[in-house]
Protein backbone atom coordinates (compact mmCIF):
# COMPACT_ATOMS: atom_id res chain seq x y z
CA MET A 1 -127.01 265.21 158.16
CA ASP A 2 -130.28 263.09 158.57
CA ASP A 3 -132.59 263.25 161.54
CA GLU A 4 -131.59 259.72 162.72
CA THR A 5 -127.86 260.79 162.97
CA LEU A 6 -128.86 263.93 164.81
CA LYS A 7 -130.90 261.87 167.34
CA VAL A 8 -127.99 259.59 167.96
CA TYR A 9 -125.67 262.61 168.22
CA GLY A 10 -127.98 263.95 170.98
CA TYR A 11 -127.92 260.63 172.73
CA VAL A 12 -124.14 260.42 172.58
CA ILE A 13 -123.54 263.88 173.91
CA SER A 14 -126.05 263.53 176.75
CA SER A 15 -123.40 261.39 178.53
CA SER A 16 -119.84 262.62 179.03
CA TYR A 17 -118.70 258.94 179.10
CA ARG A 18 -120.24 258.25 175.70
CA GLU A 19 -118.95 261.53 174.22
CA ARG A 20 -115.38 261.04 175.46
CA SER A 21 -115.48 257.37 174.31
CA VAL A 22 -116.51 258.45 170.75
CA LYS A 23 -113.70 261.03 170.72
CA SER A 24 -111.19 258.47 171.85
CA LEU A 25 -112.29 255.81 169.42
CA ASN A 26 -112.09 258.40 166.65
CA GLU A 27 -108.33 258.68 167.28
CA SER A 28 -107.75 254.95 166.99
CA ASN A 29 -109.36 251.47 167.56
CA LYS A 30 -109.07 250.42 171.20
CA ILE A 31 -109.63 247.60 173.64
CA PRO A 32 -111.93 248.38 176.59
CA THR A 33 -109.14 248.80 179.18
CA ASP A 34 -107.20 251.22 176.97
CA LEU A 35 -110.39 253.17 176.30
CA ALA A 36 -111.18 253.35 180.06
CA GLU A 37 -107.72 254.61 180.76
CA ASP A 38 -107.79 257.09 177.93
CA ILE A 39 -111.03 258.71 179.08
CA GLY A 40 -110.31 258.39 182.78
CA VAL A 41 -113.08 256.02 183.97
CA ARG A 42 -112.98 252.70 185.74
CA ALA A 43 -113.01 249.69 183.47
CA ASN A 44 -116.30 248.38 184.87
CA HIS A 45 -118.08 251.51 183.47
CA ILE A 46 -116.70 251.13 179.95
CA SER A 47 -118.50 247.87 179.11
CA LYS A 48 -121.86 249.62 179.70
CA VAL A 49 -120.79 252.56 177.58
CA LEU A 50 -119.60 250.34 174.69
CA LYS A 51 -122.82 248.39 174.86
CA GLU A 52 -124.78 251.61 174.52
CA LEU A 53 -122.68 252.84 171.56
CA LYS A 54 -123.06 249.42 169.81
CA GLU A 55 -126.82 249.46 170.34
CA CYS A 56 -127.20 252.82 168.67
CA GLY A 57 -124.88 251.95 165.84
CA VAL A 58 -121.94 254.25 166.72
CA ALA A 59 -119.32 251.64 167.58
CA GLU A 60 -118.69 247.98 166.71
CA CYS A 61 -116.47 245.19 167.91
CA ILE A 62 -114.27 243.85 165.18
CA ASN A 63 -113.39 240.61 166.95
CA GLU A 64 -116.60 239.61 168.79
CA GLU A 65 -115.56 235.91 168.99
CA LYS A 66 -112.76 236.94 171.50
CA ARG A 67 -113.45 236.68 175.21
CA LYS A 68 -110.69 239.16 176.19
CA ASN A 69 -109.14 242.17 174.48
CA ARG A 70 -111.98 242.82 172.03
CA ILE A 71 -111.16 245.65 169.71
CA TYR A 72 -113.72 248.41 169.19
CA LYS A 73 -113.96 250.97 166.46
CA LEU A 74 -116.40 253.61 165.20
CA THR A 75 -118.93 252.78 162.48
CA PRO A 76 -119.34 255.21 159.61
CA LYS A 77 -122.24 256.72 161.65
CA GLY A 78 -119.90 257.00 164.58
CA GLU A 79 -117.35 258.85 162.48
CA ASP A 80 -120.02 261.31 161.46
CA ILE A 81 -120.96 261.87 165.08
CA ALA A 82 -117.27 262.26 166.05
CA LYS A 83 -117.04 265.06 163.48
CA LEU A 84 -120.07 266.83 165.05
CA ILE A 85 -118.58 266.50 168.50
CA ASP A 86 -115.28 268.18 167.35
């Protein structure tokens, strides 16, 4: 595991929302409302969490052109981090 991945891992686990989002996305790709429901937070919080996960290269949107029901999944780096969390 390289230093960059470990730094991102530290960033992810410093927020329970980010950590639970990574665990949830590791199970399956999700739209924000399903993700919010799955981890037990209000939908307005999830957009900030997803933005943070995208910025650090952990998650990506696979249909960015959509305005609603965007689908998010983990990147390969995100999958590595999900393994560290488990």
